[in-house]
C-alpha cells in the first residue's frame, strides 16, 4: 500500500485500545447495571478503556439523554440506548 495513491487508501480503523466507551447512567437504574455488565465484559476482553458518567451530576447530559438512559457512546458518538447488545458493541469496537 505504500506505493498506492492516497485516493485508494482506506483509513485504518482505530485499534480497540485507542477507542473509548462511555456509559451514561444514573444511580438505581437496573438497565444501567445490565449495560455496565456487557460493557465491562466486551471492553475487558478487547482492552478498550471505558468510563461512566452520571446524568444526575451533569445538567447537559441530563438534558440530552434523560429519556434514553442508559446511553452508550463509542468515541463520543451515540452507539445505543436502553439495552446493549454484546455482539453489536464488539463489532463497533473492532470494525
PDB file of N, CA and C in Angstrom:
ATOM      1  N   UNK A   1       0.802  -1.200   0.000  1.00  0.00           N
ATOM      2  CA  UNK A   1       0.000   0.000   0.000  1.00  0.00           C
ATOM      3  C   UNK A   1       0.842   1.259   0.000  1.00  0.00           C
ATOM      4  N   UNK A   2       2.111   1.109   0.312  1.00  0.00           N
ATOM      5  CA  UNK A   2       2.957   2.295   0.402  1.00  0.00           C
ATOM      6  C   UNK A   2       3.004   3.054  -0.915  1.00  0.00           C
ATOM      7  N   UNK A   3       3.001   2.325  -2.053  1.00  0.00           N
ATOM      8  CA  UNK A   3       3.068   2.986  -3.341  1.00  0.00           C
ATOM      9  C   UNK A   3       1.704   3.349  -3.908  1.00  0.00           C
ATOM     10  N   UNK A   4       0.659   3.021  -3.190  1.00  0.00           N
ATOM     11  CA  UNK A   4      -0.693   3.267  -3.677  1.00  0.00           C
ATOM     12  C   UNK A   4      -1.071   4.733  -3.525  1.00  0.00           C
ATOM     13  N   UNK A   5      -1.813   5.203  -4.483  1.00  0.00           N
ATOM     14  CA  UNK A   5      -2.297   6.580  -4.440  1.00  0.00           C
ATOM     15  C   UNK A   5      -3.143   6.800  -3.191  1.00  0.00           C
ATOM     16  N   UNK A   6      -3.040   7.960  -2.535  1.00  0.00           N
ATOM     17  CA  UNK A   6      -3.851   8.247  -1.349  1.00  0.00           C
ATOM     18  C   UNK A   6      -5.350   8.168  -1.633  1.00  0.00           C
ATOM     19  N   UNK A   7      -5.738   8.335  -2.879  1.00  0.00           N
ATOM     20  CA  UNK A   7      -7.154   8.270  -3.230  1.00  0.00           C
ATOM     21  C   UNK A   7      -7.714   6.876  -2.951  1.00  0.00           C
ATOM     22  N   UNK A   8      -6.885   5.844  -3.133  1.00  0.00           N
ATOM     23  CA  UNK A   8      -7.347   4.476  -2.995  1.00  0.00           C
ATOM     24  C   UNK A   8      -7.086   3.877  -1.619  1.00  0.00           C
ATOM     25  N   UNK A   9      -6.351   4.551  -0.778  1.00  0.00           N
ATOM     26  CA  UNK A   9      -6.076   4.041   0.565  1.00  0.00           C
ATOM     27  C   UNK A   9      -7.258   4.302   1.475  1.00  0.00           C
ATOM     28  N   UNK A  10      -7.621   3.313   2.235  1.00  0.00           N
ATOM     29  CA  UNK A  10      -8.659   3.494   3.245  1.00  0.00           C
ATOM     30  C   UNK A  10      -8.001   3.857   4.554  1.00  0.00           C
ATOM     31  N   UNK A  11      -8.679   4.676   5.315  1.00  0.00           N
ATOM     32  CA  UNK A  11      -8.162   5.000   6.642  1.00  0.00           C
ATOM     33  C   UNK A  11      -8.219   3.758   7.517  1.00  0.00           C
ATOM     34  N   UNK A  12      -7.169   3.505   8.220  1.00  0.00           N
ATOM     35  CA  UNK A  12      -7.133   2.352   9.107  1.00  0.00           C
ATOM     36  C   UNK A  12      -8.070   2.591  10.284  1.00  0.00           C
ATOM     37  N   UNK A  13      -8.820   1.567  10.644  1.00  0.00           N
ATOM     38  CA  UNK A  13      -9.704   1.665  11.809  1.00  0.00           C
ATOM     39  C   UNK A  13      -8.847   1.773  13.061  1.00  0.00           C
ATOM     40  N   UNK A  14      -9.276   2.547  14.023  1.00  0.00           N
ATOM     41  CA  UNK A  14      -8.501   2.646  15.255  1.00  0.00           C
ATOM     42  C   UNK A  14      -8.448   1.291  15.966  1.00  0.00           C
ATOM     43  N   UNK A  15      -7.339   1.028  16.596  1.00  0.00           N
ATOM     44  CA  UNK A  15      -7.196  -0.193  17.379  1.00  0.00           C
ATOM     45  C   UNK A  15      -8.149  -0.115  18.571  1.00  0.00           C
ATOM     46  N   UNK A  16      -8.661  -1.262  19.027  1.00  0.00           N
ATOM     47  CA  UNK A  16      -9.609  -1.225  20.147  1.00  0.00           C
ATOM     48  C   UNK A  16      -9.104  -0.444  21.360  1.00  0.00           C
ATOM     49  N   UNK A  17      -7.829  -0.565  21.667  1.00  0.00           N
ATOM     50  CA  UNK A  17      -7.304   0.135  22.847  1.00  0.00           C
ATOM     51  C   UNK A  17      -7.252   1.651  22.657  1.00  0.00           C
ATOM     52  N   UNK A  18      -7.448   2.113  21.412  1.00  0.00           N
ATOM     53  CA  UNK A  18      -7.482   3.551  21.130  1.00  0.00           C
ATOM     54  C   UNK A  18      -8.907   4.097  21.094  1.00  0.00           C
ATOM     55  N   UNK A  19      -9.887   3.251  21.379  1.00  0.00           N
ATOM     56  CA  UNK A  19     -11.288   3.645  21.397  1.00  0.00           C
ATOM     57  C   UNK A  19     -11.662   4.046  22.820  1.00  0.00           C
ATOM     58  N   UNK A  20     -12.841   4.617  22.996  1.00  0.00           N
ATOM     59  CA  UNK A  20     -13.350   4.927  24.333  1.00  0.00           C
ATOM     60  C   UNK A  20     -14.848   4.697  24.346  1.00  0.00           C
ATOM     61  N   UNK A  21     -15.292   3.889  25.303  1.00  0.00           N
ATOM     62  CA  UNK A  21     -16.716   3.651  25.510  1.00  0.00           C
ATOM     63  C   UNK A  21     -17.141   4.443  26.744  1.00  0.00           C
ATOM     64  N   UNK A  22     -18.248   5.147  26.612  1.00  0.00           N
ATOM     65  CA  UNK A  22     -18.793   5.916  27.726  1.00  0.00           C
ATOM     66  C   UNK A  22     -20.196   5.409  28.020  1.00  0.00           C
ATOM     67  N   UNK A  23     -20.440   5.074  29.276  1.00  0.00           N
ATOM     68  CA  UNK A  23     -21.763   4.671  29.732  1.00  0.00           C
ATOM     69  C   UNK A  23     -22.364   5.846  30.494  1.00  0.00           C
ATOM     70  N   UNK A  24     -23.461   6.360  29.983  1.00  0.00           N
ATOM     71  CA  UNK A  24     -24.178   7.438  30.661  1.00  0.00           C
ATOM     72  C   UNK A  24     -25.319   6.784  31.421  1.00  0.00           C
ATOM     73  N   UNK A  25     -25.337   6.983  32.728  1.00  0.00           N
ATOM     74  CA  UNK A  25     -26.254   6.258  33.598  1.00  0.00           C
ATOM     75  C   UNK A  25     -26.745   7.119  34.739  1.00  0.00           C
ATOM     76  N   UNK A  26     -27.586   6.544  35.565  1.00  0.00           N
ATOM     77  CA  UNK A  26     -27.993   7.198  36.804  1.00  0.00           C
ATOM     78  C   UNK A  26     -28.058   6.145  37.900  1.00  0.00           C
ATOM     79  N   UNK A  27     -27.934   6.564  39.137  1.00  0.00           N
ATOM     80  CA  UNK A  27     -27.993   5.611  40.248  1.00  0.00           C
ATOM     81  C   UNK A  27     -29.354   4.920  40.321  1.00  0.00           C
ATOM     82  N   UNK A  28     -29.338   3.643  40.690  1.00  0.00           N
ATOM     83  CA  UNK A  28     -30.561   2.895  40.893  1.00  0.00           C
ATOM     84  C   UNK A  28     -31.241   2.418  39.619  1.00  0.00           C
ATOM     85  N   UNK A  29     -30.563   2.503  38.507  1.00  0.00           N
ATOM     86  CA  UNK A  29     -31.137   2.115  37.207  1.00  0.00           C
ATOM     87  C   UNK A  29     -30.705   0.687  36.889  1.00  0.00           C
ATOM     88  N   UNK A  30     -31.676  -0.250  36.886  1.00  0.00           N
ATOM     89  CA  UNK A  30     -31.311  -1.651  36.624  1.00  0.00           C
ATOM     90  C   UNK A  30     -30.853  -1.870  35.186  1.00  0.00           C
ATOM     91  N   UNK A  31     -31.387  -1.118  34.235  1.00  0.00           N
ATOM     92  CA  UNK A  31     -30.897  -1.240  32.854  1.00  0.00           C
ATOM     93  C   UNK A  31     -29.452  -0.751  32.747  1.00  0.00           C
ATOM     94  N   UNK A  32     -29.121   0.254  33.537  1.00  0.00           N
ATOM     95  CA  UNK A  32     -27.745   0.763  33.564  1.00  0.00           C
ATOM     96  C   UNK A  32     -26.792  -0.301  34.102  1.00  0.00           C
ATOM     97  N   UNK A  33     -27.236  -1.006  35.146  1.00  0.00           N
ATOM     98  CA  UNK A  33     -26.420  -2.082  35.704  1.00  0.00           C
ATOM     99  C   UNK A  33     -26.206  -3.190  34.669  1.00  0.00           C
ATOM    100  N   UNK A  34     -27.280  -3.537  33.930  1.00  0.00           N
ATOM    101  CA  UNK A  34     -27.167  -4.552  32.884  1.00  0.00           C
ATOM    102  C   UNK A  34     -26.193  -4.100  31.788  1.00  0.00           C
ATOM    103  N   UNK A  35     -26.309  -2.834  31.390  1.00  0.00           N
ATOM    104  CA  UNK A  35     -25.420  -2.295  30.351  1.00  0.00           C
ATOM    105  C   UNK A  35     -23.969  -2.337  30.815  1.00  0.00           C
ATOM    106  N   UNK A  36     -23.737  -2.014  32.079  1.00  0.00           N
ATOM    107  CA  UNK A  36     -22.373  -1.999  32.599  1.00  0.00           C
ATOM    108  C   UNK A  36     -21.754  -3.392  32.556  1.00  0.00           C
ATOM    109  N   UNK A  37     -22.539  -4.411  32.831  1.00  0.00           N
ATOM    110  CA  UNK A  37     -22.020  -5.787  32.783  1.00  0.00           C
ATOM    111  C   UNK A  37     -21.525  -6.119  31.376  1.00  0.00           C
ATOM    112  N   UNK A  38     -22.316  -5.766  30.361  1.00  0.00           N
ATOM    113  CA  UNK A  38     -21.932  -6.037  28.977  1.00  0.00           C
ATOM    114  C   UNK A  38     -20.685  -5.229  28.609  1.00  0.00           C
ATOM    115  N   UNK A  39     -20.665  -3.960  28.980  1.00  0.00           N
ATOM    116  CA  UNK A  39     -19.519  -3.095  28.657  1.00  0.00           C
ATOM    117  C   UNK A  39     -18.252  -3.602  29.325  1.00  0.00           C
ATOM    118  N   UNK A  40     -18.344  -3.958  30.593  1.00  0.00           N
ATOM    119  CA  UNK A  40     -17.170  -4.475  31.295  1.00  0.00           C
ATOM    120  C   UNK A  40     -16.630  -5.730  30.603  1.00  0.00           C
ATOM    121  N   UNK A  41     -17.520  -6.603  30.189  1.00  0.00           N
ATOM    122  CA  UNK A  41     -17.098  -7.845  29.533  1.00  0.00           C
ATOM    123  C   UNK A  41     -16.421  -7.558  28.199  1.00  0.00           C
ATOM    124  N   UNK A  42     -17.104  -6.834  27.320  1.00  0.00           N
ATOM    125  CA  UNK A  42     -16.576  -6.587  25.977  1.00  0.00           C
ATOM    126  C   UNK A  42     -15.301  -5.754  26.034  1.00  0.00           C
ATOM    127  N   UNK A  43     -15.334  -4.673  26.788  1.00  0.00           N
ATOM    128  CA  UNK A  43     -14.151  -3.807  26.872  1.00  0.00           C
ATOM    129  C   UNK A  43     -12.989  -4.525  27.544  1.00  0.00           C
ATOM    130  N   UNK A  44     -13.281  -5.333  28.537  1.00  0.00           N
ATOM    131  CA  UNK A  44     -12.230  -6.099  29.199  1.00  0.00           C
ATOM    132  C   UNK A  44     -11.557  -7.080  28.256  1.00  0.00           C
ATOM    133  N   UNK A  45     -12.361  -7.762  27.447  1.00  0.00           N
ATOM    134  CA  UNK A  45     -11.809  -8.736  26.509  1.00  0.00           C
ATOM    135  C   UNK A  45     -11.014  -8.073  25.386  1.00  0.00           C
ATOM    136  N   UNK A  46     -11.457  -6.889  24.960  1.00  0.00           N
ATOM    137  CA  UNK A  46     -10.793  -6.215  23.835  1.00  0.00           C
ATOM    138  C   UNK A  46      -9.719  -5.216  24.266  1.00  0.00           C
ATOM    139  N   UNK A  47      -9.634  -4.935  25.554  1.00  0.00           N
ATOM    140  CA  UNK A  47      -8.665  -3.953  26.030  1.00  0.00           C
ATOM    141  C   UNK A  47      -9.085  -2.518  25.741  1.00  0.00           C
ATOM    142  N   UNK A  48     -10.380  -2.292  25.671  1.00  0.00           N
ATOM    143  CA  UNK A  48     -10.904  -0.957  25.379  1.00  0.00           C
ATOM    144  C   UNK A  48     -11.163  -0.217  26.687  1.00  0.00           C
ATOM    145  N   UNK A  49     -10.647   0.992  26.828  1.00  0.00           N
ATOM    146  CA  UNK A  49     -10.956   1.770  28.034  1.00  0.00           C
ATOM    147  C   UNK A  49     -12.427   2.202  28.009  1.00  0.00           C
ATOM    148  N   UNK A  50     -13.006   2.325  29.190  1.00  0.00           N
ATOM    149  CA  UNK A  50     -14.378   2.793  29.272  1.00  0.00           C
ATOM    150  C   UNK A  50     -14.535   3.647  30.518  1.00  0.00           C
ATOM    151  N   UNK A  51     -15.558   4.455  30.504  1.00  0.00           N
ATOM    152  CA  UNK A  51     -15.851   5.345  31.623  1.00  0.00           C
ATOM    153  C   UNK A  51     -17.352   5.395  31.820  1.00  0.00           C
ATOM    154  N   UNK A  52     -17.767   5.884  32.967  1.00  0.00           N
ATOM    155  CA  UNK A  52     -19.187   6.091  33.182  1.00  0.00           C
ATOM    156  C   UNK A  52     -19.425   7.507  33.666  1.00  0.00           C
ATOM    157  N   UNK A  53     -20.561   8.043  33.256  1.00  0.00           N
ATOM    158  CA  UNK A  53     -20.942   9.387  33.668  1.00  0.00           C
ATOM    159  C   UNK A  53     -22.352   9.326  34.219  1.00  0.00           C
ATOM    160  N   UNK A  54     -22.580  10.076  35.275  1.00  0.00           N
ATOM    161  CA  UNK A  54     -23.847  10.101  35.993  1.00  0.00           C
ATOM    162  C   UNK A  54     -24.652  11.312  35.541  1.00  0.00           C
ATOM    163  N   UNK A  55     -25.843  11.080  34.962  1.00  0.00           N
ATOM    164  CA  UNK A  55     -26.631  12.212  34.473  1.00  0.00           C
ATOM    165  C   UNK A  55     -27.148  13.100  35.596  1.00  0.00           C
ATOM    166  N   UNK A  56     -27.151  12.576  36.824  1.00  0.00           N
ATOM    167  CA  UNK A  56     -27.618  13.415  37.936  1.00  0.00           C
ATOM    168  C   UNK A  56     -26.557  14.426  38.359  1.00  0.00           C
ATOM    169  N   UNK A  57     -25.362  14.311  37.815  1.00  0.00           N
ATOM    170  CA  UNK A  57     -24.274  15.233  38.154  1.00  0.00           C
ATOM    171  C   UNK A  57     -23.857  16.120  36.983  1.00  0.00           C
ATOM    172  N   UNK A  58     -24.562  16.007  35.863  1.00  0.00           N
ATOM    173  CA  UNK A  58     -24.193  16.774  34.674  1.00  0.00           C
ATOM    174  C   UNK A  58     -25.475  17.238  33.980  1.00  0.00           C
ATOM    175  N   UNK A  59     -25.777  18.520  34.086  1.00  0.00           N
ATOM    176  CA  UNK A  59     -27.026  19.067  33.541  1.00  0.00           C
ATOM    177  C   UNK A  59     -27.122  18.881  32.031  1.00  0.00           C
ATOM    178  N   UNK A  60     -26.018  19.026  31.321  1.00  0.00           N
ATOM    179  CA  UNK A  60     -26.039  18.870  29.867  1.00  0.00           C
ATOM    180  C   UNK A  60     -26.385  17.436  29.480  1.00  0.00           C
ATOM    181  N   UNK A  61     -25.732  16.476  30.120  1.00  0.00           N
ATOM    182  CA  UNK A  61     -26.036  15.073  29.839  1.00  0.00           C
ATOM    183  C   UNK A  61     -27.485  14.756  30.202  1.00  0.00           C
ATOM    184  N   UNK A  62     -27.941  15.293  31.316  1.00  0.00           N
ATOM    185  CA  UNK A  62     -29.328  15.068  31.742  1.00  0.00           C
ATOM    186  C   UNK A  62     -30.298  15.594  30.688  1.00  0.00           C
ATOM    187  N   UNK A  63     -30.066  16.801  30.208  1.00  0.00           N
ATOM    188  CA  UNK A  63     -30.955  17.394  29.207  1.00  0.00           C
ATOM    189  C   UNK A  63     -30.966  16.595  27.903  1.00  0.00           C
ATOM    190  N   UNK A  64     -29.824  16.065  27.505  1.00  0.00           N
ATOM    191  CA  UNK A  64     -29.732  15.338  26.236  1.00  0.00           C
ATOM    192  C   UNK A  64     -30.237  13.903  26.310  1.00  0.00           C
ATOM    193  N   UNK A  65     -30.009  13.220  27.449  1.00  0.00           N
ATOM    194  CA  UNK A  65     -30.216  11.776  27.474  1.00  0.00           C
ATOM    195  C   UNK A  65     -31.196  11.250  28.518  1.00  0.00           C
ATOM    196  N   UNK A  66     -31.844  12.082  29.311  1.00  0.00           N
ATOM    197  CA  UNK A  66     -32.600  11.570  30.454  1.00  0.00           C
ATOM    198  C   UNK A  66     -33.680  10.572  30.067  1.00  0.00           C
ATOM    199  N   UNK A  67     -34.242  10.643  28.874  1.00  0.00           N
ATOM    200  CA  UNK A  67     -35.272   9.689  28.457  1.00  0.00           C
ATOM    201  C   UNK A  67     -34.687   8.413  27.858  1.00  0.00           C
ATOM    202  N   UNK A  68     -33.395   8.372  27.626  1.00  0.00           N
ATOM    203  CA  UNK A  68     -32.799   7.238  26.925  1.00  0.00           C
ATOM    204  C   UNK A  68     -31.888   6.371  27.782  1.00  0.00           C
ATOM    205  N   UNK A  69     -31.588   6.748  28.990  1.00  0.00           N
ATOM    206  CA  UNK A  69     -30.561   6.024  29.727  1.00  0.00           C
ATOM    207  C   UNK A  69     -30.927   4.564  29.948  1.00  0.00           C
ATOM    208  N   UNK A  70     -29.940   3.699  29.987  1.00  0.00           N
ATOM    209  CA  UNK A  70     -28.535   4.008  29.783  1.00  0.00           C
ATOM    210  C   UNK A  70     -28.232   4.298  28.310  1.00  0.00           C
ATOM    211  N   UNK A  71     -27.284   5.167  28.107  1.00  0.00           N
ATOM    212  CA  UNK A  71     -26.813   5.513  26.772  1.00  0.00           C
ATOM    213  C   UNK A  71     -25.348   5.107  26.689  1.00  0.00           C
ATOM    214  N   UNK A  72     -24.974   4.513  25.565  1.00  0.00           N
ATOM    215  CA  UNK A  72     -23.584   4.124  25.350  1.00  0.00           C
ATOM    216  C   UNK A  72     -23.041   4.937  24.183  1.00  0.00           C
ATOM    217  N   UNK A  73     -21.918   5.578  24.426  1.00  0.00           N
ATOM    218  CA  UNK A  73     -21.209   6.317  23.390  1.00  0.00           C
ATOM    219  C   UNK A  73     -19.943   5.547  23.038  1.00  0.00           C
ATOM    220  N   UNK A  74     -19.595   5.541  21.773  1.00  0.00           N
ATOM    221  CA  UNK A  74     -18.313   4.997  21.325  1.00  0.00           C
ATOM    222  C   UNK A  74     -17.576   6.150  20.672  1.00  0.00           C
ATOM    223  N   UNK A  75     -16.460   6.497  21.259  1.00  0.00           N
ATOM    224  CA  UNK A  75     -15.663   7.634  20.784  1.00  0.00           C
ATOM    225  C   UNK A  75     -16.496   8.912  20.703  1.00  0.00           C
ATOM    226  N   UNK A  76     -17.392   9.088  21.666  1.00  0.00           N
ATOM    227  CA  UNK A  76     -18.190  10.307  21.762  1.00  0.00           C
ATOM    228  C   UNK A  76     -19.459  10.328  20.941  1.00  0.00           C
ATOM    229  N   UNK A  77     -19.675   9.320  20.088  1.00  0.00           N
ATOM    230  CA  UNK A  77     -20.882   9.250  19.264  1.00  0.00           C
ATOM    231  C   UNK A  77     -21.839   8.218  19.866  1.00  0.00           C
ATOM    232  N   UNK A  78     -23.122   8.531  19.851  1.00  0.00           N
ATOM    233  CA  UNK A  78     -24.086   7.611  20.432  1.00  0.00           C
ATOM    234  C   UNK A  78     -24.101   6.298  19.667  1.00  0.00           C
ATOM    235  N   UNK A  79     -23.918   5.216  20.414  1.00  0.00           N
ATOM    236  CA  UNK A  79     -23.928   3.862  19.849  1.00  0.00           C
ATOM    237  C   UNK A  79     -25.293   3.205  20.060  1.00  0.00           C
ATOM    238  N   UNK A  80     -25.829   3.310  21.262  1.00  0.00           N
ATOM    239  CA  UNK A  80     -27.104   2.678  21.585  1.00  0.00           C
ATOM    240  C   UNK A  80     -27.680   3.286  22.855  1.00  0.00           C
ATOM    241  N   UNK A  81     -28.899   2.876  23.169  1.00  0.00           N
ATOM    242  CA  UNK A  81     -29.513   3.261  24.440  1.00  0.00           C
ATOM    243  C   UNK A  81     -30.449   2.147  24.898  1.00  0.00           C
ATOM    244  N   UNK A  82     -30.817   2.191  26.143  1.00  0.00           N
ATOM    245  CA  UNK A  82     -31.667   1.231  26.848  1.00  0.00           C
ATOM    246  C   UNK A  82     -31.019  -0.134  27.015  1.00  0.00           C
ATOM    247  N   UNK A  83     -30.776  -0.846  25.951  1.00  0.00           N
ATOM    248  CA  UNK A  83     -30.170  -2.182  26.050  1.00  0.00           C
ATOM    249  C   UNK A  83     -28.910  -2.233  25.188  1.00  0.00           C
ATOM    250  N   UNK A  84     -27.892  -2.917  25.709  1.00  0.00           N
ATOM    251  CA  UNK A  84     -26.625  -3.024  24.988  1.00  0.00           C
ATOM    252  C   UNK A  84     -26.485  -4.446  24.472  1.00  0.00           C
ATOM    253  N   UNK A  85     -26.339  -4.574  23.161  1.00  0.00           N
ATOM    254  CA  UNK A  85     -26.135  -5.867  22.541  1.00  0.00           C
ATOM    255  C   UNK A  85     -24.635  -6.144  22.471  1.00  0.00           C
ATOM    256  N   UNK A  86     -24.219  -7.244  23.087  1.00  0.00           N
ATOM    257  CA  UNK A  86     -22.790  -7.570  23.176  1.00  0.00           C
ATOM    258  C   UNK A  86     -22.131  -7.677  21.804  1.00  0.00           C
ATOM    259  N   UNK A  87     -22.748  -8.382  20.870  1.00  0.00           N
ATOM    260  CA  UNK A  87     -22.133  -8.557  19.552  1.00  0.00           C
ATOM    261  C   UNK A  87     -22.055  -7.238  18.784  1.00  0.00           C
ATOM    262  N   UNK A  88     -23.084  -6.428  18.898  1.00  0.00           N
ATOM    263  CA  UNK A  88     -23.086  -5.144  18.188  1.00  0.00           C
ATOM    264  C   UNK A  88     -21.992  -4.219  18.735  1.00  0.00           C
ATOM    265  N   UNK A  89     -21.833  -4.193  20.061  1.00  0.00           N
ATOM    266  CA  UNK A  89     -20.774  -3.368  20.659  1.00  0.00           C
ATOM    267  C   UNK A  89     -19.410  -3.883  20.244  1.00  0.00           C
ATOM    268  N   UNK A  90     -19.231  -5.185  20.290  1.00  0.00           N
ATOM    269  CA  UNK A  90     -17.941  -5.793  19.902  1.00  0.00           C
ATOM    270  C   UNK A  90     -17.603  -5.421  18.450  1.00  0.00           C
ATOM    271  N   UNK A  91     -18.600  -5.517  17.570  1.00  0.00           N
ATOM    272  CA  UNK A  91     -18.391  -5.184  16.160  1.00  0.00           C
ATOM    273  C   UNK A  91     -18.021  -3.717  15.988  1.00  0.00           C
ATOM    274  N   UNK A  92     -18.696  -2.848  16.717  1.00  0.00           N
ATOM    275  CA  UNK A  92     -18.409  -1.411  16.619  1.00  0.00           C
ATOM    276  C   UNK A  92     -16.978  -1.085  17.059  1.00  0.00           C
ATOM    277  N   UNK A  93     -16.474  -1.856  18.015  1.00  0.00           N
ATOM    278  CA  UNK A  93     -15.138  -1.585  18.549  1.00  0.00           C
ATOM    279  C   UNK A  93     -14.021  -2.230  17.749  1.00  0.00           C
ATOM    280  N   UNK A  94     -14.359  -3.165  16.875  1.00  0.00           N
ATOM    281  CA  UNK A  94     -13.321  -3.867  16.120  1.00  0.00           C
ATOM    282  C   UNK A  94     -13.391  -3.596  14.620  1.00  0.00           C
ATOM    283  N   UNK A  95     -14.385  -2.851  14.191  1.00  0.00           N
ATOM    284  CA  UNK A  95     -14.535  -2.559  12.751  1.00  0.00           C
ATOM    285  C   UNK A  95     -13.731  -1.353  12.356  1.00  0.00           C
TER     286      UNK A  95
END
